[in-house]
Amino acid sequence: MKQKPSASRAAGNLIGRALWWVLLVMGGGVLALWLKSSFAFVALAVIGGWILFSSFTLFFFRDPDPRVPTSLDIIVAPAHGLVDCVEHSTESEFLGSACHRVSIFLSVFDVHVQNAPVAGRITFLKYQRGRFLSAVRTDSARQNENMLIGIESSEAPDERIAVRQIGGLIARRVVTWGSLGDHVSRGQRLGLIQFGSRCELYLPLSVEIAVRSGDRVVAGETVVAKRRTPLPEVNETPGIRMPNLLE
């Protein structure tokens, strides 16, 4: 990837902006004291709020390294969270066909870094502005701010897989670290959604889904689908008995 992914950098930026406002308020407090007004209580409350915000932000932007499975016949989860929808759907923008759709809801307590479900090359990126409906609603996938990431898999011939990052009621920024043409490995970091969101995975119908609604998944680790092994070709012609050379 051309851009080095960093959740900690995003956390630092938010904490730094919050600190700037704290310093601004503290400056006002000094001015208020100079004007013989009591401002100590408000200043302490602001500092306490900043400490709580900073602690939660560091927790929210944690970014553990996934233990990526190495089997070539599997596809892993792109996000941490709760699977709340597994269905047949149609993805017309990148896959261009009917597909499996696996939808994952991320609460504010889940890790919010997304990881590549397969190894391959990013050949499609489409950002869409939208509303900020609660990510609990499944229709938020079409109406909210989102980014569709299309990956041409290097693990199976002619396999296309898409990941959609979706903002939510609180999550008002979708960050994608990959660029067109980037090669990604399975489990590699793709992006980040800030503060509560949803992630969808679109898979070809040729794979077998390994999760169901109610399952919890871990990005880059949990197997969500398996590639079906093709049946061996049969050379016999129907209705004609092949000779037994041992007779």
C-alpha atoms as a PDB file:
ATOM      1  CA  MET A   1       0.000   0.000   0.000  1.00  0.00           C
ATOM      2  CA  LYS A   2       1.169   3.525  -0.778  1.00  0.00           C
ATOM      3  CA  GLN A   3      -0.333   4.927   2.417  1.00  0.00           C
ATOM      4  CA  LYS A   4       0.817   3.355   5.658  1.00  0.00           C
ATOM      5  CA  PRO A   5      -2.272   2.544   7.725  1.00  0.00           C
ATOM      6  CA  SER A   6      -2.335   3.826  11.292  1.00  0.00           C
ATOM      7  CA  ALA A   7      -5.281   3.781  13.681  1.00  0.00           C
ATOM      8  CA  SER A   8      -3.081   5.273  16.393  1.00  0.00           C
ATOM      9  CA  ARG A   9      -2.406   8.306  14.180  1.00  0.00           C
ATOM     10  CA  ALA A  10      -6.150   8.859  13.797  1.00  0.00           C
ATOM     11  CA  ALA A  11      -6.556   8.599  17.580  1.00  0.00           C
ATOM     12  CA  GLY A  12      -3.716  11.057  18.137  1.00  0.00           C
ATOM     13  CA  ASN A  13      -5.307  13.567  15.767  1.00  0.00           C
ATOM     14  CA  LEU A  14      -8.624  13.467  17.632  1.00  0.00           C
ATOM     15  CA  ILE A  15      -6.965  13.715  21.042  1.00  0.00           C
ATOM     16  CA  GLY A  16      -4.830  16.614  19.809  1.00  0.00           C
ATOM     17  CA  ARG A  17      -7.860  18.535  18.560  1.00  0.00           C
ATOM     18  CA  ALA A  18      -9.643  17.949  21.840  1.00  0.00           C
ATOM     19  CA  LEU A  19      -6.564  19.176  23.724  1.00  0.00           C
ATOM     20  CA  TRP A  20      -6.563  22.346  21.644  1.00  0.00           C
ATOM     21  CA  TRP A  21     -10.104  23.087  22.849  1.00  0.00           C
ATOM     22  CA  VAL A  22      -9.087  22.304  26.438  1.00  0.00           C
ATOM     23  CA  LEU A  23      -6.215  24.777  26.211  1.00  0.00           C
ATOM     24  CA  LEU A  24      -8.580  27.354  24.736  1.00  0.00           C
ATOM     25  CA  VAL A  25     -10.969  26.912  27.659  1.00  0.00           C
ATOM     26  CA  MET A  26      -8.100  27.041  30.136  1.00  0.00           C
ATOM     27  CA  GLY A  27      -6.949  30.268  28.548  1.00  0.00           C
ATOM     28  CA  GLY A  28     -10.449  31.630  29.093  1.00  0.00           C
ATOM     29  CA  GLY A  29     -10.245  30.422  32.696  1.00  0.00           C
ATOM     30  CA  VAL A  30      -7.051  32.368  33.289  1.00  0.00           C
ATOM     31  CA  LEU A  31      -8.702  35.443  31.837  1.00  0.00           C
ATOM     32  CA  ALA A  32     -11.750  34.890  34.054  1.00  0.00           C
ATOM     33  CA  LEU A  33      -9.574  34.601  37.168  1.00  0.00           C
ATOM     34  CA  TRP A  34      -7.771  37.780  36.168  1.00  0.00           C
ATOM     35  CA  LEU A  35     -11.216  39.377  36.007  1.00  0.00           C
ATOM     36  CA  LYS A  36     -11.878  38.130  39.587  1.00  0.00           C
ATOM     37  CA  SER A  37     -14.370  35.470  38.429  1.00  0.00           C
ATOM     38  CA  SER A  38     -14.443  31.883  39.641  1.00  0.00           C
ATOM     39  CA  PHE A  39     -13.652  29.460  36.816  1.00  0.00           C
ATOM     40  CA  ALA A  40     -11.807  26.657  38.603  1.00  0.00           C
ATOM     41  CA  PHE A  41     -14.754  24.240  38.674  1.00  0.00           C
ATOM     42  CA  VAL A  42     -15.436  24.591  34.951  1.00  0.00           C
ATOM     43  CA  ALA A  43     -11.736  24.192  34.135  1.00  0.00           C
ATOM     44  CA  LEU A  44     -11.473  20.986  36.190  1.00  0.00           C
ATOM     45  CA  ALA A  45     -14.604  19.605  34.531  1.00  0.00           C
ATOM     46  CA  VAL A  46     -13.194  20.319  31.077  1.00  0.00           C
ATOM     47  CA  ILE A  47      -9.866  18.675  31.899  1.00  0.00           C
ATOM     48  CA  GLY A  48     -11.660  15.654  33.349  1.00  0.00           C
ATOM     49  CA  GLY A  49     -13.801  15.368  30.227  1.00  0.00           C
ATOM     50  CA  TRP A  50     -10.708  15.506  28.015  1.00  0.00           C
ATOM     51  CA  ILE A  51      -9.044  12.716  30.030  1.00  0.00           C
ATOM     52  CA  LEU A  52     -12.130  10.523  29.685  1.00  0.00           C
ATOM     53  CA  PHE A  53     -12.401  11.276  25.969  1.00  0.00           C
ATOM     54  CA  SER A  54      -8.709  10.507  25.432  1.00  0.00           C
ATOM     55  CA  SER A  55      -8.967   7.204  27.296  1.00  0.00           C
ATOM     56  CA  PHE A  56     -11.997   6.092  25.294  1.00  0.00           C
ATOM     57  CA  THR A  57     -10.397   7.189  22.013  1.00  0.00           C
ATOM     58  CA  LEU A  58      -7.249   5.153  22.696  1.00  0.00           C
ATOM     59  CA  PHE A  59      -9.453   2.156  23.518  1.00  0.00           C
ATOM     60  CA  PHE A  60     -11.619   2.640  20.424  1.00  0.00           C
ATOM     61  CA  PHE A  61      -8.672   2.957  18.042  1.00  0.00           C
ATOM     62  CA  ARG A  62      -6.878  -0.166  19.256  1.00  0.00           C
ATOM     63  CA  ASP A  63      -5.490  -2.146  16.343  1.00  0.00           C
ATOM     64  CA  PRO A  64      -4.470  -5.730  17.175  1.00  0.00           C
ATOM     65  CA  ASP A  65      -2.508  -7.809  14.670  1.00  0.00           C
ATOM     66  CA  PRO A  66      -4.731 -10.597  13.325  1.00  0.00           C
ATOM     67  CA  ARG A  67      -3.661 -14.241  13.412  1.00  0.00           C
ATOM     68  CA  VAL A  68      -4.324 -14.823   9.729  1.00  0.00           C
ATOM     69  CA  PRO A  69      -5.059 -18.446   8.720  1.00  0.00           C
ATOM     70  CA  THR A  70      -2.955 -19.710   5.824  1.00  0.00           C
ATOM     71  CA  SER A  71      -5.283 -22.192   4.105  1.00  0.00           C
ATOM     72  CA  LEU A  72      -5.874 -21.168   0.477  1.00  0.00           C
ATOM     73  CA  ASP A  73      -9.489 -22.342   0.309  1.00  0.00           C
ATOM     74  CA  ILE A  74     -10.907 -19.855   2.824  1.00  0.00           C
ATOM     75  CA  ILE A  75     -12.033 -16.228   3.001  1.00  0.00           C
ATOM     76  CA  VAL A  76     -11.746 -14.312   6.277  1.00  0.00           C
ATOM     77  CA  ALA A  77     -13.890 -11.627   7.892  1.00  0.00           C
ATOM     78  CA  PRO A  78     -13.143  -8.018   6.868  1.00  0.00           C
ATOM     79  CA  ALA A  79     -14.302  -6.560  10.203  1.00  0.00           C
ATOM     80  CA  HIS A  80     -14.797  -7.238  13.901  1.00  0.00           C
ATOM     81  CA  GLY A  81     -18.387  -7.424  15.075  1.00  0.00           C
ATOM     82  CA  LEU A  82     -21.712  -9.242  14.959  1.00  0.00           C
ATOM     83  CA  VAL A  83     -22.987 -10.916  11.796  1.00  0.00           C
ATOM     84  CA  ASP A  84     -26.608  -9.797  11.531  1.00  0.00           C
ATOM     85  CA  CYS A  85     -27.430 -10.652   7.924  1.00  0.00           C
ATOM     86  CA  VAL A  86     -26.416 -13.446   5.532  1.00  0.00           C
ATOM     87  CA  GLU A  87     -28.373 -13.503   2.291  1.00  0.00           C
ATOM     88  CA  HIS A  88     -28.347 -13.744  -1.482  1.00  0.00           C
ATOM     89  CA  SER A  89     -28.116 -10.303  -3.055  1.00  0.00           C
ATOM     90  CA  THR A  90     -26.854  -8.516  -6.160  1.00  0.00           C
ATOM     91  CA  GLU A  91     -23.759  -6.327  -6.336  1.00  0.00           C
ATOM     92  CA  SER A  92     -23.854  -4.583  -9.702  1.00  0.00           C
ATOM     93  CA  GLU A  93     -21.026  -2.077  -9.388  1.00  0.00           C
ATOM     94  CA  PHE A  94     -18.019  -4.413  -9.097  1.00  0.00           C
ATOM     95  CA  LEU A  95     -19.085  -8.078  -9.085  1.00  0.00           C
ATOM     96  CA  GLY A  96     -21.805  -7.372 -11.620  1.00  0.00           C
ATOM     97  CA  SER A  97     -23.833 -10.401 -10.624  1.00  0.00           C
ATOM     98  CA  ALA A  98     -25.794 -12.181  -7.923  1.00  0.00           C
ATOM     99  CA  CYS A  99     -23.733 -12.842  -4.822  1.00  0.00           C
ATOM    100  CA  HIS A 100     -23.666 -13.676  -1.141  1.00  0.00           C
ATOM    101  CA  ARG A 101     -23.920 -10.660   1.186  1.00  0.00           C
ATOM    102  CA  VAL A 102     -22.548 -10.920   4.708  1.00  0.00           C
ATOM    103  CA  SER A 103     -23.306  -7.861   6.846  1.00  0.00           C
ATOM    104  CA  ILE A 104     -21.381  -7.161  10.064  1.00  0.00           C
ATOM    105  CA  PHE A 105     -22.481  -4.633  12.683  1.00  0.00           C
ATOM    106  CA  LEU A 106     -19.716  -2.906  14.666  1.00  0.00           C
ATOM    107  CA  SER A 107     -20.652  -1.470  18.051  1.00  0.00           C
ATOM    108  CA  VAL A 108     -18.567   1.244  19.708  1.00  0.00           C
ATOM    109  CA  PHE A 109     -16.847  -1.506  21.715  1.00  0.00           C
ATOM    110  CA  ASP A 110     -15.555  -3.385  18.655  1.00  0.00           C
ATOM    111  CA  VAL A 111     -12.235  -2.826  16.899  1.00  0.00           C
ATOM    112  CA  HIS A 112     -12.967  -0.551  13.935  1.00  0.00           C
ATOM    113  CA  VAL A 113     -10.070  -1.378  11.607  1.00  0.00           C
ATOM    114  CA  GLN A 114     -11.038  -3.317   8.469  1.00  0.00           C
ATOM    115  CA  ASN A 115      -8.830  -6.048   6.980  1.00  0.00           C
ATOM    116  CA  ALA A 116      -8.588  -7.646   3.541  1.00  0.00           C
ATOM    117  CA  PRO A 117     -10.613 -10.872   3.321  1.00  0.00           C
ATOM    118  CA  VAL A 118      -8.359 -12.265   0.570  1.00  0.00           C
ATOM    119  CA  ALA A 119      -5.039 -11.541  -1.082  1.00  0.00           C
ATOM    120  CA  GLY A 120      -5.270  -9.664  -4.365  1.00  0.00           C
ATOM    121  CA  ARG A 121      -5.260  -6.277  -6.051  1.00  0.00           C
ATOM    122  CA  ILE A 122      -7.573  -3.325  -5.387  1.00  0.00           C
ATOM    123  CA  THR A 123      -9.147  -2.523  -8.752  1.00  0.00           C
ATOM    124  CA  PHE A 124     -12.270  -0.605  -7.721  1.00  0.00           C
ATOM    125  CA  LEU A 125     -12.947   2.208  -5.247  1.00  0.00           C
ATOM    126  CA  LYS A 126     -16.174   4.163  -5.044  1.00  0.00           C
ATOM    127  CA  TYR A 127     -16.973   6.688  -2.325  1.00  0.00           C
ATOM    128  CA  GLN A 128     -20.586   7.698  -1.793  1.00  0.00           C
ATOM    129  CA  ARG A 129     -21.777  10.584   0.327  1.00  0.00           C
ATOM    130  CA  GLY A 130     -24.897   9.911   2.326  1.00  0.00           C
ATOM    131  CA  ARG A 131     -26.884  10.184   5.511  1.00  0.00           C
ATOM    132  CA  PHE A 132     -25.859   9.136   9.012  1.00  0.00           C
ATOM    133  CA  LEU A 133     -28.591   6.702   9.995  1.00  0.00           C
ATOM    134  CA  SER A 134     -27.982   4.337  12.882  1.00  0.00           C
ATOM    135  CA  ALA A 135     -25.777   1.459  11.684  1.00  0.00           C
ATOM    136  CA  VAL A 136     -28.130  -0.912  13.541  1.00  0.00           C
ATOM    137  CA  ARG A 137     -30.524  -0.443  10.609  1.00  0.00           C
ATOM    138  CA  THR A 138     -29.681  -2.741   7.710  1.00  0.00           C
ATOM    139  CA  ASP A 139     -30.900  -0.123   5.200  1.00  0.00           C
ATOM    140  CA  SER A 140     -28.066   2.156   6.352  1.00  0.00           C
ATOM    141  CA  ALA A 141     -25.839   0.274   3.899  1.00  0.00           C
ATOM    142  CA  ARG A 142     -27.463   2.036   0.954  1.00  0.00           C
ATOM    143  CA  GLN A 143     -28.263   5.422   2.496  1.00  0.00           C
ATOM    144  CA  ASN A 144     -25.228   6.229   4.647  1.00  0.00           C
ATOM    145  CA  GLU A 145     -21.786   7.456   3.696  1.00  0.00           C
ATOM    146  CA  ASN A 146     -19.837   4.446   2.407  1.00  0.00           C
ATOM    147  CA  MET A 147     -16.839   3.260   0.431  1.00  0.00           C
ATOM    148  CA  LEU A 148     -16.953   0.198  -1.814  1.00  0.00           C
ATOM    149  CA  ILE A 149     -13.588  -1.569  -2.185  1.00  0.00           C
ATOM    150  CA  GLY A 150     -13.291  -4.117  -5.013  1.00  0.00           C
ATOM    151  CA  ILE A 151     -10.529  -6.736  -4.859  1.00  0.00           C
ATOM    152  CA  GLU A 152      -9.511  -9.062  -7.687  1.00  0.00           C
ATOM    153  CA  SER A 153      -8.381 -12.112  -5.776  1.00  0.00           C
ATOM    154  CA  SER A 154      -5.015 -13.756  -6.433  1.00  0.00           C
ATOM    155  CA  GLU A 155      -6.099 -16.833  -4.476  1.00  0.00           C
ATOM    156  CA  ALA A 156      -8.636 -18.160  -7.005  1.00  0.00           C
ATOM    157  CA  PRO A 157      -8.952 -17.557 -10.765  1.00  0.00           C
ATOM    158  CA  ASP A 158     -11.407 -14.852 -11.876  1.00  0.00           C
ATOM    159  CA  GLU A 159     -12.609 -14.318  -8.294  1.00  0.00           C
ATOM    160  CA  ARG A 160     -13.901 -10.881  -7.360  1.00  0.00           C
ATOM    161  CA  ILE A 161     -14.737  -9.861  -3.799  1.00  0.00           C
ATOM    162  CA  ALA A 162     -15.988  -6.515  -2.476  1.00  0.00           C
ATOM    163  CA  VAL A 163     -15.952  -4.868   0.952  1.00  0.00           C
ATOM    164  CA  ARG A 164     -18.188  -1.920   1.798  1.00  0.00           C
ATOM    165  CA  GLN A 165     -17.280   0.402   4.707  1.00  0.00           C
ATOM    166  CA  ILE A 166     -20.412   2.116   6.025  1.00  0.00           C
ATOM    167  CA  GLY A 167     -20.650   5.061   8.406  1.00  0.00           C
ATOM    168  CA  GLY A 168     -23.317   5.265  11.118  1.00  0.00           C
ATOM    169  CA  LEU A 169     -25.103   7.611  13.482  1.00  0.00           C
ATOM    170  CA  ILE A 170     -21.896   8.351  15.397  1.00  0.00           C
ATOM    171  CA  ALA A 171     -19.377   7.170  12.814  1.00  0.00           C
ATOM    172  CA  ARG A 172     -19.155  10.146  10.491  1.00  0.00           C
ATOM    173  CA  ARG A 173     -15.916   9.402   8.754  1.00  0.00           C
ATOM    174  CA  VAL A 174     -14.920   6.460   6.583  1.00  0.00           C
ATOM    175  CA  VAL A 175     -11.148   6.170   6.048  1.00  0.00           C
ATOM    176  CA  THR A 176      -9.716   3.909   3.323  1.00  0.00           C
ATOM    177  CA  TRP A 177      -5.975   3.320   3.290  1.00  0.00           C
ATOM    178  CA  GLY A 178      -5.762   1.393   0.023  1.00  0.00           C
ATOM    179  CA  SER A 179      -5.448   2.941  -3.441  1.00  0.00           C
ATOM    180  CA  LEU A 180      -6.288   1.650  -6.909  1.00  0.00           C
ATOM    181  CA  GLY A 181      -3.668  -0.829  -8.063  1.00  0.00           C
ATOM    182  CA  ASP A 182      -2.436  -1.667  -4.562  1.00  0.00           C
ATOM    183  CA  HIS A 183      -1.694  -5.306  -3.853  1.00  0.00           C
ATOM    184  CA  VAL A 184      -2.934  -6.509  -0.468  1.00  0.00           C
ATOM    185  CA  SER A 185      -2.296  -9.696   1.444  1.00  0.00           C
ATOM    186  CA  ARG A 186      -5.002 -11.566   3.311  1.00  0.00           C
ATOM    187  CA  GLY A 187      -5.585  -9.877   6.677  1.00  0.00           C
ATOM    188  CA  GLN A 188      -3.815  -6.651   5.658  1.00  0.00           C
ATOM    189  CA  ARG A 189      -5.382  -3.433   6.972  1.00  0.00           C
ATOM    190  CA  LEU A 190      -7.745  -1.764   4.500  1.00  0.00           C
ATOM    191  CA  GLY A 191      -9.213   1.133   6.447  1.00  0.00           C
ATOM    192  CA  LEU A 192     -10.985   2.480   9.485  1.00  0.00           C
ATOM    193  CA  ILE A 193     -14.511   3.633  10.384  1.00  0.00           C
ATOM    194  CA  GLN A 194     -14.670   6.017  13.328  1.00  0.00           C
ATOM    195  CA  PHE A 195     -17.142   5.415  16.186  1.00  0.00           C
ATOM    196  CA  GLY A 196     -19.773   2.743  15.433  1.00  0.00           C
ATOM    197  CA  SER A 197     -20.551   1.428  11.964  1.00  0.00           C
ATOM    198  CA  ARG A 198     -21.279  -1.458   9.587  1.00  0.00           C
ATOM    199  CA  CYS A 199     -19.216  -3.455   7.106  1.00  0.00           C
ATOM    200  CA  GLU A 200     -20.507  -5.625   4.271  1.00  0.00           C
ATOM    201  CA  LEU A 201     -18.776  -8.406   2.363  1.00  0.00           C
ATOM    202  CA  TYR A 202     -19.896  -9.463  -1.129  1.00  0.00           C
ATOM    203  CA  LEU A 203     -18.846 -12.946  -2.251  1.00  0.00           C
ATOM    204  CA  PRO A 204     -19.423 -14.985  -5.416  1.00  0.00           C
ATOM    205  CA  LEU A 205     -22.086 -17.688  -5.248  1.00  0.00           C
ATOM    206  CA  SER A 206     -19.391 -20.298  -5.903  1.00  0.00           C
ATOM    207  CA  VAL A 207     -18.225 -20.145  -2.273  1.00  0.00           C
ATOM    208  CA  GLU A 208     -19.854 -21.797   0.736  1.00  0.00           C
ATOM    209  CA  ILE A 209     -20.755 -19.436   3.605  1.00  0.00           C
ATOM    210  CA  ALA A 210     -19.352 -20.582   6.965  1.00  0.00           C
ATOM    211  CA  VAL A 211     -21.100 -18.082   9.292  1.00  0.00           C
ATOM    212  CA  ARG A 212     -24.698 -17.235  10.152  1.00  0.00           C
ATOM    213  CA  SER A 213     -26.613 -14.416  11.812  1.00  0.00           C
ATOM    214  CA  GLY A 214     -25.670 -14.060  15.469  1.00  0.00           C
ATOM    215  CA  ASP A 215     -22.039 -15.129  15.034  1.00  0.00           C
ATOM    216  CA  ARG A 216     -19.267 -12.847  16.229  1.00  0.00           C
ATOM    217  CA  VAL A 217     -16.299 -12.483  13.902  1.00  0.00           C
ATOM    218  CA  VAL A 218     -12.748 -11.164  14.152  1.00  0.00           C
ATOM    219  CA  ALA A 219     -11.245  -9.260  11.215  1.00  0.00           C
ATOM    220  CA  GLY A 220      -8.486 -11.143   9.427  1.00  0.00           C
ATOM    221  CA  GLU A 221      -9.049 -14.289  11.523  1.00  0.00           C
ATOM    222  CA  THR A 222     -12.581 -15.710  11.419  1.00  0.00           C
ATOM    223  CA  VAL A 223     -13.366 -17.881   8.393  1.00  0.00           C
ATOM    224  CA  VAL A 224     -16.580 -16.550   6.800  1.00  0.00           C
ATOM    225  CA  ALA A 225     -16.564 -18.643   3.618  1.00  0.00           C
ATOM    226  CA  LYS A 226     -14.883 -21.625   1.995  1.00  0.00           C
ATOM    227  CA  ARG A 227     -14.205 -22.201  -1.662  1.00  0.00           C
ATOM    228  CA  ARG A 228     -15.869 -25.307  -3.007  1.00  0.00           C
ATOM    229  CA  THR A 229     -13.520 -27.910  -4.464  1.00  0.00           C
ATOM    230  CA  PRO A 230     -14.557 -28.515  -8.097  1.00  0.00           C
ATOM    231  CA  LEU A 231     -15.814 -32.026  -8.878  1.00  0.00           C
ATOM    232  CA  PRO A 232     -13.495 -34.136 -11.065  1.00  0.00           C
ATOM    233  CA  GLU A 233     -14.517 -34.442 -14.693  1.00  0.00           C
ATOM    234  CA  VAL A 234     -16.073 -37.754 -15.744  1.00  0.00           C
ATOM    235  CA  ASN A 235     -14.937 -39.088 -19.146  1.00  0.00           C
ATOM    236  CA  GLU A 236     -17.660 -41.692 -19.525  1.00  0.00           C
ATOM    237  CA  THR A 237     -20.371 -41.092 -22.106  1.00  0.00           C
ATOM    238  CA  PRO A 238     -23.881 -41.641 -20.702  1.00  0.00           C
ATOM    239  CA  GLY A 239     -25.369 -44.985 -21.787  1.00  0.00           C
ATOM    240  CA  ILE A 240     -22.035 -46.481 -22.902  1.00  0.00           C
ATOM    241  CA  ARG A 241     -20.248 -48.937 -20.642  1.00  0.00           C
ATOM    242  CA  MET A 242     -16.505 -48.310 -20.531  1.00  0.00           C
ATOM    243  CA  PRO A 243     -14.469 -51.460 -21.158  1.00  0.00           C
ATOM    244  CA  ASN A 244     -12.812 -53.129 -18.171  1.00  0.00           C
ATOM    245  CA  LEU A 245      -9.244 -53.819 -19.211  1.00  0.00           C
ATOM    246  CA  LEU A 246      -8.896 -56.426 -16.477  1.00  0.00           C
ATOM    247  CA  GLU A 247     -11.643 -58.669 -17.935  1.00  0.00           C
END
